Structures are given as C-alpha cells and as structure tokens.
Amino acid sequence: MKLILEFKVENIFKAKDFEKEGEPIKIGKWKLQGFSSRETAEGKQMSLVDVSVPDEVAYKLKEQVGKTVSIEVGTFINNGRVGFYGL
C-alpha cells in the first residue's frame, strides 16, 4: 500500500544539525512546510505542518514553493497526533 500526501508547499528548509550527549552529530533533514486545516465548533483551524523528506526529494521540490505537490509518505504518532515523513 502507498500513502500519498498532497498539499501546497509554503516553505522548504534544511534543519540544523544537532547532537545528543554521548551520541554522534545527526545531520539536519530537509523539511517541507504546508498548512493543515480542520473544522472545529469555533470555525476552521489552520496549523503549520512540517514533513521531513530525503535530500533527493527536497532537491526536486525546491522550485515548487507555492505549488501543490504529491509525495509518498510514511506516518508516525507523536503526542497523540499523526505526523508524516517523506519516503
């Protein structure tokens, strides 16, 4: 099964490298940013969503800011919320 995420790319950037004590430095990943919306009792709520993507996907999408794209993703749960990462 494939899961495809379609959304408008608002921004793309490379996250900073980071390290945890006693571990090697982890290279920052490329991230796409787009808005997610949901209806609530008070109205439409928008939130900014980050999707980490492999370098080769980021390079292909660098010129797509402001456009709607479709990418294959995987999912994870963090604090009860679904997150996405590019494959």
PDB file of N, CA and C in Angstrom:
ATOM      1  N   MET A   1       0.847  -1.177   0.000  1.00  0.00           N
ATOM      2  CA  MET A   1       0.000   0.000   0.000  1.00  0.00           C
ATOM      3  C   MET A   1       0.891   1.239   0.000  1.00  0.00           C
ATOM      4  N   LYS A   2       0.467   2.244  -0.742  1.00  0.00           N
ATOM      5  CA  LYS A   2       1.170   3.532  -0.787  1.00  0.00           C
ATOM      6  C   LYS A   2       0.285   4.598  -0.164  1.00  0.00           C
ATOM      7  N   LEU A   3       0.897   5.504   0.571  1.00  0.00           N
ATOM      8  CA  LEU A   3       0.174   6.646   1.106  1.00  0.00           C
ATOM      9  C   LEU A   3       0.760   7.892   0.453  1.00  0.00           C
ATOM     10  N   ILE A   4      -0.078   8.662  -0.215  1.00  0.00           N
ATOM     11  CA  ILE A   4       0.352   9.864  -0.922  1.00  0.00           C
ATOM     12  C   ILE A   4      -0.226  11.085  -0.215  1.00  0.00           C
ATOM     13  N   LEU A   5       0.628  12.031   0.117  1.00  0.00           N
ATOM     14  CA  LEU A   5       0.202  13.284   0.739  1.00  0.00           C
ATOM     15  C   LEU A   5       0.239  14.368  -0.328  1.00  0.00           C
ATOM     16  N   GLU A   6      -0.875  15.047  -0.500  1.00  0.00           N
ATOM     17  CA  GLU A   6      -0.958  16.137  -1.466  1.00  0.00           C
ATOM     18  C   GLU A   6      -1.204  17.424  -0.688  1.00  0.00           C
ATOM     19  N   PHE A   7      -0.331  18.401  -0.864  1.00  0.00           N
ATOM     20  CA  PHE A   7      -0.508  19.671  -0.173  1.00  0.00           C
ATOM     21  C   PHE A   7       0.279  20.772  -0.868  1.00  0.00           C
ATOM     22  N   LYS A   8      -0.056  22.010  -0.530  1.00  0.00           N
ATOM     23  CA  LYS A   8       0.632  23.166  -1.089  1.00  0.00           C
ATOM     24  C   LYS A   8       1.876  23.440  -0.254  1.00  0.00           C
ATOM     25  N   VAL A   9       3.031  23.480  -0.899  1.00  0.00           N
ATOM     26  CA  VAL A   9       4.300  23.737  -0.213  1.00  0.00           C
ATOM     27  C   VAL A   9       4.411  25.242   0.068  1.00  0.00           C
ATOM     28  N   GLU A  10       4.462  25.601   1.335  1.00  0.00           N
ATOM     29  CA  GLU A  10       4.609  27.002   1.725  1.00  0.00           C
ATOM     30  C   GLU A  10       6.076  27.383   1.898  1.00  0.00           C
ATOM     31  N   ASN A  11       6.902  26.399   2.265  1.00  0.00           N
ATOM     32  CA  ASN A  11       8.317  26.670   2.535  1.00  0.00           C
ATOM     33  C   ASN A  11       9.079  25.355   2.481  1.00  0.00           C
ATOM     34  N   ILE A  12      10.375  25.444   2.212  1.00  0.00           N
ATOM     35  CA  ILE A  12      11.262  24.281   2.289  1.00  0.00           C
ATOM     36  C   ILE A  12      12.579  24.756   2.882  1.00  0.00           C
ATOM     37  N   PHE A  13      13.108  23.995   3.842  1.00  0.00           N
ATOM     38  CA  PHE A  13      14.352  24.400   4.503  1.00  0.00           C
ATOM     39  C   PHE A  13      15.085  23.178   5.038  1.00  0.00           C
ATOM     40  N   LYS A  14      16.366  23.359   5.325  1.00  0.00           N
ATOM     41  CA  LYS A  14      17.178  22.297   5.926  1.00  0.00           C
ATOM     42  C   LYS A  14      17.328  22.601   7.406  1.00  0.00           C
ATOM     43  N   ALA A  15      16.915  21.668   8.245  1.00  0.00           N
ATOM     44  CA  ALA A  15      17.012  21.833   9.695  1.00  0.00           C
ATOM     45  C   ALA A  15      18.480  21.799  10.124  1.00  0.00           C
ATOM     46  N   LYS A  16      18.762  22.399  11.262  1.00  0.00           N
ATOM     47  CA  LYS A  16      20.130  22.437  11.797  1.00  0.00           C
ATOM     48  C   LYS A  16      20.583  21.040  12.215  1.00  0.00           C
ATOM     49  N   ASP A  17      21.893  20.802  12.106  1.00  0.00           N
ATOM     50  CA  ASP A  17      22.485  19.581  12.644  1.00  0.00           C
ATOM     51  C   ASP A  17      22.370  19.653  14.166  1.00  0.00           C
ATOM     52  N   PHE A  18      22.295  18.490  14.804  1.00  0.00           N
ATOM     53  CA  PHE A  18      22.202  18.502  16.263  1.00  0.00           C
ATOM     54  C   PHE A  18      22.879  17.270  16.832  1.00  0.00           C
ATOM     55  N   GLU A  19      23.178  17.352  18.124  1.00  0.00           N
ATOM     56  CA  GLU A  19      23.771  16.202  18.792  1.00  0.00           C
ATOM     57  C   GLU A  19      23.221  16.067  20.192  1.00  0.00           C
ATOM     58  N   LYS A  20      23.107  14.812  20.614  1.00  0.00           N
ATOM     59  CA  LYS A  20      22.728  14.500  21.982  1.00  0.00           C
ATOM     60  C   LYS A  20      24.000  14.057  22.679  1.00  0.00           C
ATOM     61  N   GLU A  21      24.063  14.321  23.955  1.00  0.00           N
ATOM     62  CA  GLU A  21      25.268  13.984  24.721  1.00  0.00           C
ATOM     63  C   GLU A  21      25.614  12.510  24.550  1.00  0.00           C
ATOM     64  N   GLY A  22      26.868  12.259  24.191  1.00  0.00           N
ATOM     65  CA  GLY A  22      27.353  10.898  24.035  1.00  0.00           C
ATOM     66  C   GLY A  22      27.005  10.238  22.714  1.00  0.00           C
ATOM     67  N   GLU A  23      26.362  10.964  21.811  1.00  0.00           N
ATOM     68  CA  GLU A  23      25.984  10.400  20.509  1.00  0.00           C
ATOM     69  C   GLU A  23      26.626  11.220  19.392  1.00  0.00           C
ATOM     70  N   PRO A  24      26.814  10.612  18.228  1.00  0.00           N
ATOM     71  CA  PRO A  24      27.377  11.377  17.109  1.00  0.00           C
ATOM     72  C   PRO A  24      26.405  12.454  16.629  1.00  0.00           C
ATOM     73  N   ILE A  25      26.943  13.444  15.949  1.00  0.00           N
ATOM     74  CA  ILE A  25      26.119  14.532  15.405  1.00  0.00           C
ATOM     75  C   ILE A  25      25.174  13.958  14.350  1.00  0.00           C
ATOM     76  N   LYS A  26      23.898  14.378  14.427  1.00  0.00           N
ATOM     77  CA  LYS A  26      22.914  13.977  13.421  1.00  0.00           C
ATOM     78  C   LYS A  26      22.745  15.142  12.452  1.00  0.00           C
ATOM     79  N   ILE A  27      22.829  14.830  11.186  1.00  0.00           N
ATOM     80  CA  ILE A  27      22.687  15.847  10.141  1.00  0.00           C
ATOM     81  C   ILE A  27      21.212  16.249  10.043  1.00  0.00           C
ATOM     82  N   GLY A  28      20.951  17.558  10.001  1.00  0.00           N
ATOM     83  CA  GLY A  28      19.583  18.062   9.881  1.00  0.00           C
ATOM     84  C   GLY A  28      18.936  17.601   8.587  1.00  0.00           C
ATOM     85  N   LYS A  29      17.646  17.359   8.652  1.00  0.00           N
ATOM     86  CA  LYS A  29      16.896  16.891   7.488  1.00  0.00           C
ATOM     87  C   LYS A  29      16.210  18.056   6.786  1.00  0.00           C
ATOM     88  N   TRP A  30      15.927  17.863   5.518  1.00  0.00           N
ATOM     89  CA  TRP A  30      15.129  18.822   4.765  1.00  0.00           C
ATOM     90  C   TRP A  30      13.684  18.699   5.215  1.00  0.00           C
ATOM     91  N   LYS A  31      12.990  19.825   5.289  1.00  0.00           N
ATOM     92  CA  LYS A  31      11.588  19.828   5.701  1.00  0.00           C
ATOM     93  C   LYS A  31      10.755  20.666   4.741  1.00  0.00           C
ATOM     94  N   LEU A  32       9.606  20.128   4.393  1.00  0.00           N
ATOM     95  CA  LEU A  32       8.602  20.870   3.649  1.00  0.00           C
ATOM     96  C   LEU A  32       7.605  21.393   4.674  1.00  0.00           C
ATOM     97  N   GLN A  33       7.090  22.581   4.450  1.00  0.00           N
ATOM     98  CA  GLN A  33       6.067  23.117   5.334  1.00  0.00           C
ATOM     99  C   GLN A  33       4.816  23.431   4.518  1.00  0.00           C
ATOM    100  N   GLY A  34       3.676  23.080   5.078  1.00  0.00           N
ATOM    101  CA  GLY A  34       2.388  23.372   4.475  1.00  0.00           C
ATOM    102  C   GLY A  34       1.352  23.502   5.576  1.00  0.00           C
ATOM    103  N   PHE A  35       0.175  23.960   5.232  1.00  0.00           N
ATOM    104  CA  PHE A  35      -0.878  24.135   6.220  1.00  0.00           C
ATOM    105  C   PHE A  35      -1.853  22.975   6.202  1.00  0.00           C
ATOM    106  N   SER A  36      -2.285  22.595   7.378  1.00  0.00           N
ATOM    107  CA  SER A  36      -3.337  21.617   7.567  1.00  0.00           C
ATOM    108  C   SER A  36      -4.530  22.370   8.138  1.00  0.00           C
ATOM    109  N   SER A  37      -5.732  21.975   7.749  1.00  0.00           N
ATOM    110  CA  SER A  37      -6.906  22.645   8.309  1.00  0.00           C
ATOM    111  C   SER A  37      -7.905  21.616   8.811  1.00  0.00           C
ATOM    112  N   ARG A  38      -8.658  22.029   9.816  1.00  0.00           N
ATOM    113  CA  ARG A  38      -9.728  21.178  10.327  1.00  0.00           C
ATOM    114  C   ARG A  38     -10.839  22.060  10.859  1.00  0.00           C
ATOM    115  N   GLU A  39     -12.034  21.544  10.754  1.00  0.00           N
ATOM    116  CA  GLU A  39     -13.203  22.276  11.233  1.00  0.00           C
ATOM    117  C   GLU A  39     -13.390  21.997  12.718  1.00  0.00           C
ATOM    118  N   THR A  40     -13.624  23.043  13.495  1.00  0.00           N
ATOM    119  CA  THR A  40     -13.932  22.918  14.915  1.00  0.00           C
ATOM    120  C   THR A  40     -15.265  23.613  15.160  1.00  0.00           C
ATOM    121  N   ALA A  41     -15.765  23.505  16.367  1.00  0.00           N
ATOM    122  CA  ALA A  41     -17.026  24.175  16.709  1.00  0.00           C
ATOM    123  C   ALA A  41     -16.897  25.685  16.557  1.00  0.00           C
ATOM    124  N   GLU A  42     -15.676  26.206  16.701  1.00  0.00           N
ATOM    125  CA  GLU A  42     -15.436  27.641  16.609  1.00  0.00           C
ATOM    126  C   GLU A  42     -15.099  28.105  15.196  1.00  0.00           C
ATOM    127  N   GLY A  43     -14.947  27.171  14.282  1.00  0.00           N
ATOM    128  CA  GLY A  43     -14.606  27.519  12.906  1.00  0.00           C
ATOM    129  C   GLY A  43     -13.409  26.738  12.407  1.00  0.00           C
ATOM    130  N   LYS A  44     -12.874  27.144  11.274  1.00  0.00           N
ATOM    131  CA  LYS A  44     -11.747  26.468  10.639  1.00  0.00           C
ATOM    132  C   LYS A  44     -10.450  26.798  11.389  1.00  0.00           C
ATOM    133  N   GLN A  45      -9.676  25.765  11.726  1.00  0.00           N
ATOM    134  CA  GLN A  45      -8.397  25.947  12.409  1.00  0.00           C
ATOM    135  C   GLN A  45      -7.272  25.506  11.482  1.00  0.00           C
ATOM    136  N   MET A  46      -6.283  26.388  11.304  1.00  0.00           N
ATOM    137  CA  MET A  46      -5.138  26.087  10.443  1.00  0.00           C
ATOM    138  C   MET A  46      -3.911  25.842  11.319  1.00  0.00           C
ATOM    139  N   SER A  47      -3.084  24.898  10.925  1.00  0.00           N
ATOM    140  CA  SER A  47      -1.821  24.688  11.629  1.00  0.00           C
ATOM    141  C   SER A  47      -0.732  24.368  10.609  1.00  0.00           C
ATOM    142  N   LEU A  48       0.478  24.824  10.912  1.00  0.00           N
ATOM    143  CA  LEU A  48       1.623  24.588  10.041  1.00  0.00           C
ATOM    144  C   LEU A  48       2.150  23.177  10.289  1.00  0.00           C
ATOM    145  N   VAL A  49       2.377  22.439   9.218  1.00  0.00           N
ATOM    146  CA  VAL A  49       2.837  21.056   9.309  1.00  0.00           C
ATOM    147  C   VAL A  49       4.203  20.941   8.642  1.00  0.00           C
ATOM    148  N   ASP A  50       5.147  20.305   9.327  1.00  0.00           N
ATOM    149  CA  ASP A  50       6.468  20.005   8.770  1.00  0.00           C
ATOM    150  C   ASP A  50       6.495  18.546   8.329  1.00  0.00           C
ATOM    151  N   VAL A  51       7.036  18.298   7.148  1.00  0.00           N
ATOM    152  CA  VAL A  51       7.215  16.939   6.647  1.00  0.00           C
ATOM    153  C   VAL A  51       8.684  16.790   6.279  1.00  0.00           C
ATOM    154  N   SER A  52       9.415  15.940   7.015  1.00  0.00           N
ATOM    155  CA  SER A  52      10.823  15.734   6.666  1.00  0.00           C
ATOM    156  C   SER A  52      10.886  14.868   5.414  1.00  0.00           C
ATOM    157  N   VAL A  53      11.845  15.180   4.555  1.00  0.00           N
ATOM    158  CA  VAL A  53      11.981  14.449   3.290  1.00  0.00           C
ATOM    159  C   VAL A  53      13.463  14.155   3.034  1.00  0.00           C
ATOM    160  N   PRO A  54      13.732  13.074   2.304  1.00  0.00           N
ATOM    161  CA  PRO A  54      15.118  12.778   1.925  1.00  0.00           C
ATOM    162  C   PRO A  54      15.681  13.888   1.023  1.00  0.00           C
ATOM    163  N   ASP A  55      17.005  14.001   1.020  1.00  0.00           N
ATOM    164  CA  ASP A  55      17.675  15.038   0.228  1.00  0.00           C
ATOM    165  C   ASP A  55      17.207  15.050  -1.224  1.00  0.00           C
ATOM    166  N   GLU A  56      17.120  13.874  -1.858  1.00  0.00           N
ATOM    167  CA  GLU A  56      16.771  13.834  -3.279  1.00  0.00           C
ATOM    168  C   GLU A  56      15.355  14.364  -3.532  1.00  0.00           C
ATOM    169  N   VAL A  57      14.438  14.145  -2.609  1.00  0.00           N
ATOM    170  CA  VAL A  57      13.075  14.689  -2.751  1.00  0.00           C
ATOM    171  C   VAL A  57      13.110  16.204  -2.580  1.00  0.00           C
ATOM    172  N   ALA A  58      13.866  16.674  -1.583  1.00  0.00           N
ATOM    173  CA  ALA A  58      13.970  18.123  -1.334  1.00  0.00           C
ATOM    174  C   ALA A  58      14.524  18.839  -2.558  1.00  0.00           C
ATOM    175  N   TYR A  59      15.566  18.281  -3.172  1.00  0.00           N
ATOM    176  CA  TYR A  59      16.166  18.932  -4.345  1.00  0.00           C
ATOM    177  C   TYR A  59      15.165  19.032  -5.488  1.00  0.00           C
ATOM    178  N   LYS A  60      14.318  18.001  -5.664  1.00  0.00           N
ATOM    179  CA  LYS A  60      13.310  18.020  -6.726  1.00  0.00           C
ATOM    180  C   LYS A  60      12.222  19.059  -6.459  1.00  0.00           C
ATOM    181  N   LEU A  61      11.941  19.318  -5.174  1.00  0.00           N
ATOM    182  CA  LEU A  61      10.814  20.186  -4.813  1.00  0.00           C
ATOM    183  C   LEU A  61      11.204  21.621  -4.488  1.00  0.00           C
ATOM    184  N   LYS A  62      12.494  21.940  -4.517  1.00  0.00           N
ATOM    185  CA  LYS A  62      12.940  23.292  -4.145  1.00  0.00           C
ATOM    186  C   LYS A  62      12.260  24.389  -4.949  1.00  0.00           C
ATOM    187  N   GLU A  63      11.934  24.119  -6.188  1.00  0.00           N
ATOM    188  CA  GLU A  63      11.308  25.123  -7.048  1.00  0.00           C
ATOM    189  C   GLU A  63       9.780  25.052  -7.003  1.00  0.00           C
ATOM    190  N   GLN A  64       9.237  24.246  -6.109  1.00  0.00           N
ATOM    191  CA  GLN A  64       7.784  24.050  -6.063  1.00  0.00           C
ATOM    192  C   GLN A  64       7.092  24.845  -4.948  1.00  0.00           C
ATOM    193  N   VAL A  65       7.811  25.739  -4.278  1.00  0.00           N
ATOM    194  CA  VAL A  65       7.191  26.543  -3.221  1.00  0.00           C
ATOM    195  C   VAL A  65       6.037  27.333  -3.827  1.00  0.00           C
ATOM    196  N   GLY A  66       4.886  27.269  -3.151  1.00  0.00           N
ATOM    197  CA  GLY A  66       3.679  27.937  -3.650  1.00  0.00           C
ATOM    198  C   GLY A  66       2.815  27.050  -4.530  1.00  0.00           C
ATOM    199  N   LYS A  67       3.301  25.840  -4.811  1.00  0.00           N
ATOM    200  CA  LYS A  67       2.561  24.923  -5.682  1.00  0.00           C
ATOM    201  C   LYS A  67       2.100  23.703  -4.886  1.00  0.00           C
ATOM    202  N   THR A  68       1.092  23.032  -5.399  1.00  0.00           N
ATOM    203  CA  THR A  68       0.599  21.801  -4.786  1.00  0.00           C
ATOM    204  C   THR A  68       1.404  20.626  -5.331  1.00  0.00           C
ATOM    205  N   VAL A  69       1.886  19.785  -4.428  1.00  0.00           N
ATOM    206  CA  VAL A  69       2.693  18.627  -4.800  1.00  0.00           C
ATOM    207  C   VAL A  69       2.098  17.368  -4.181  1.00  0.00           C
ATOM    208  N   SER A  70       2.484  16.227  -4.709  1.00  0.00           N
ATOM    209  CA  SER A  70       2.106  14.926  -4.153  1.00  0.00           C
ATOM    210  C   SER A  70       3.393  14.170  -3.856  1.00  0.00           C
ATOM    211  N   ILE A  71       3.525  13.688  -2.615  1.00  0.00           N
ATOM    212  CA  ILE A  71       4.707  12.902  -2.255  1.00  0.00           C
ATOM    213  C   ILE A  71       4.279  11.651  -1.497  1.00  0.00           C
ATOM    214  N   GLU A  72       5.058  10.590  -1.672  1.00  0.00           N
ATOM    215  CA  GLU A  72       4.813   9.363  -0.926  1.00  0.00           C
ATOM    216  C   GLU A  72       5.323   9.556   0.496  1.00  0.00           C
ATOM    217  N   VAL A  73       4.510   9.169   1.479  1.00  0.00           N
ATOM    218  CA  VAL A  73       4.871   9.385   2.880  1.00  0.00           C
ATOM    219  C   VAL A  73       4.635   8.138   3.719  1.00  0.00           C
ATOM    220  N   GLY A  74       5.280   8.144   4.872  1.00  0.00           N
ATOM    221  CA  GLY A  74       5.008   7.213   5.950  1.00  0.00           C
ATOM    222  C   GLY A  74       4.409   8.030   7.087  1.00  0.00           C
ATOM    223  N   THR A  75       3.891   7.356   8.099  1.00  0.00           N
ATOM    224  CA  THR A  75       3.272   8.064   9.221  1.00  0.00           C
ATOM    225  C   THR A  75       3.871   7.627  10.547  1.00  0.00           C
ATOM    226  N   PHE A  76       3.675   8.471  11.555  1.00  0.00           N
ATOM    227  CA  PHE A  76       4.051   8.141  12.926  1.00  0.00           C
ATOM    228  C   PHE A  76       3.100   8.884  13.859  1.00  0.00           C
ATOM    229  N   ILE A  77       3.063   8.470  15.111  1.00  0.00           N
ATOM    230  CA  ILE A  77       2.240   9.128  16.123  1.00  0.00           C
ATOM    231  C   ILE A  77       3.171   9.785  17.135  1.00  0.00           C
ATOM    232  N   ASN A  78       2.920  11.064  17.427  1.00  0.00           N
ATOM    233  CA  ASN A  78       3.714  11.807  18.409  1.00  0.00           C
ATOM    234  C   ASN A  78       2.743  12.620  19.261  1.00  0.00           C
ATOM    235  N   ASN A  79       2.704  12.347  20.545  1.00  0.00           N
ATOM    236  CA  ASN A  79       1.785  13.029  21.459  1.00  0.00           C
ATOM    237  C   ASN A  79       0.338  12.956  20.975  1.00  0.00           C
ATOM    238  N   GLY A  80      -0.046  11.803  20.471  1.00  0.00           N
ATOM    239  CA  GLY A  80      -1.425  11.589  20.040  1.00  0.00           C
ATOM    240  C   GLY A  80      -1.785  12.194  18.691  1.00  0.00           C
ATOM    241  N   ARG A  81      -0.816  12.772  17.991  1.00  0.00           N
ATOM    242  CA  ARG A  81      -1.080  13.382  16.684  1.00  0.00           C
ATOM    243  C   ARG A  81      -0.340  12.613  15.599  1.00  0.00           C
ATOM    244  N   VAL A  82      -0.952  12.535  14.438  1.00  0.00           N
ATOM    245  CA  VAL A  82      -0.330  11.848  13.306  1.00  0.00           C
ATOM    246  C   VAL A  82       0.661  12.801  12.638  1.00  0.00           C
ATOM    247  N   GLY A  83       1.868  12.299  12.366  1.00  0.00           N
ATOM    248  CA  GLY A  83       2.879  13.048  11.629  1.00  0.00           C
ATOM    249  C   GLY A  83       3.246  12.298  10.361  1.00  0.00           C
ATOM    250  N   PHE A  84       3.881  12.996   9.443  1.00  0.00           N
ATOM    251  CA  PHE A  84       4.265  12.397   8.164  1.00  0.00           C
ATOM    252  C   PHE A  84       5.755  12.586   7.923  1.00  0.00           C
ATOM    253  N   TYR A  85       6.349  11.654   7.187  1.00  0.00           N
ATOM    254  CA  TYR A  85       7.721  11.805   6.708  1.00  0.00           C
ATOM    255  C   TYR A  85       7.778  11.302   5.275  1.00  0.00           C
ATOM    256  N   GLY A  86       8.532  12.005   4.460  1.00  0.00           N
ATOM    257  CA  GLY A  86       8.649  11.645   3.051  1.00  0.00           C
ATOM    258  C   GLY A  86       9.507  10.410   2.841  1.00  0.00           C
ATOM    259  N   LEU A  87       9.151   9.632   1.850  1.00  0.00           N
ATOM    260  CA  LEU A  87       9.916   8.416   1.516  1.00  0.00           C
ATOM    261  C   LEU A  87      10.712   8.623   0.248  1.00  0.00           C
TER     262      LEU A  87
END
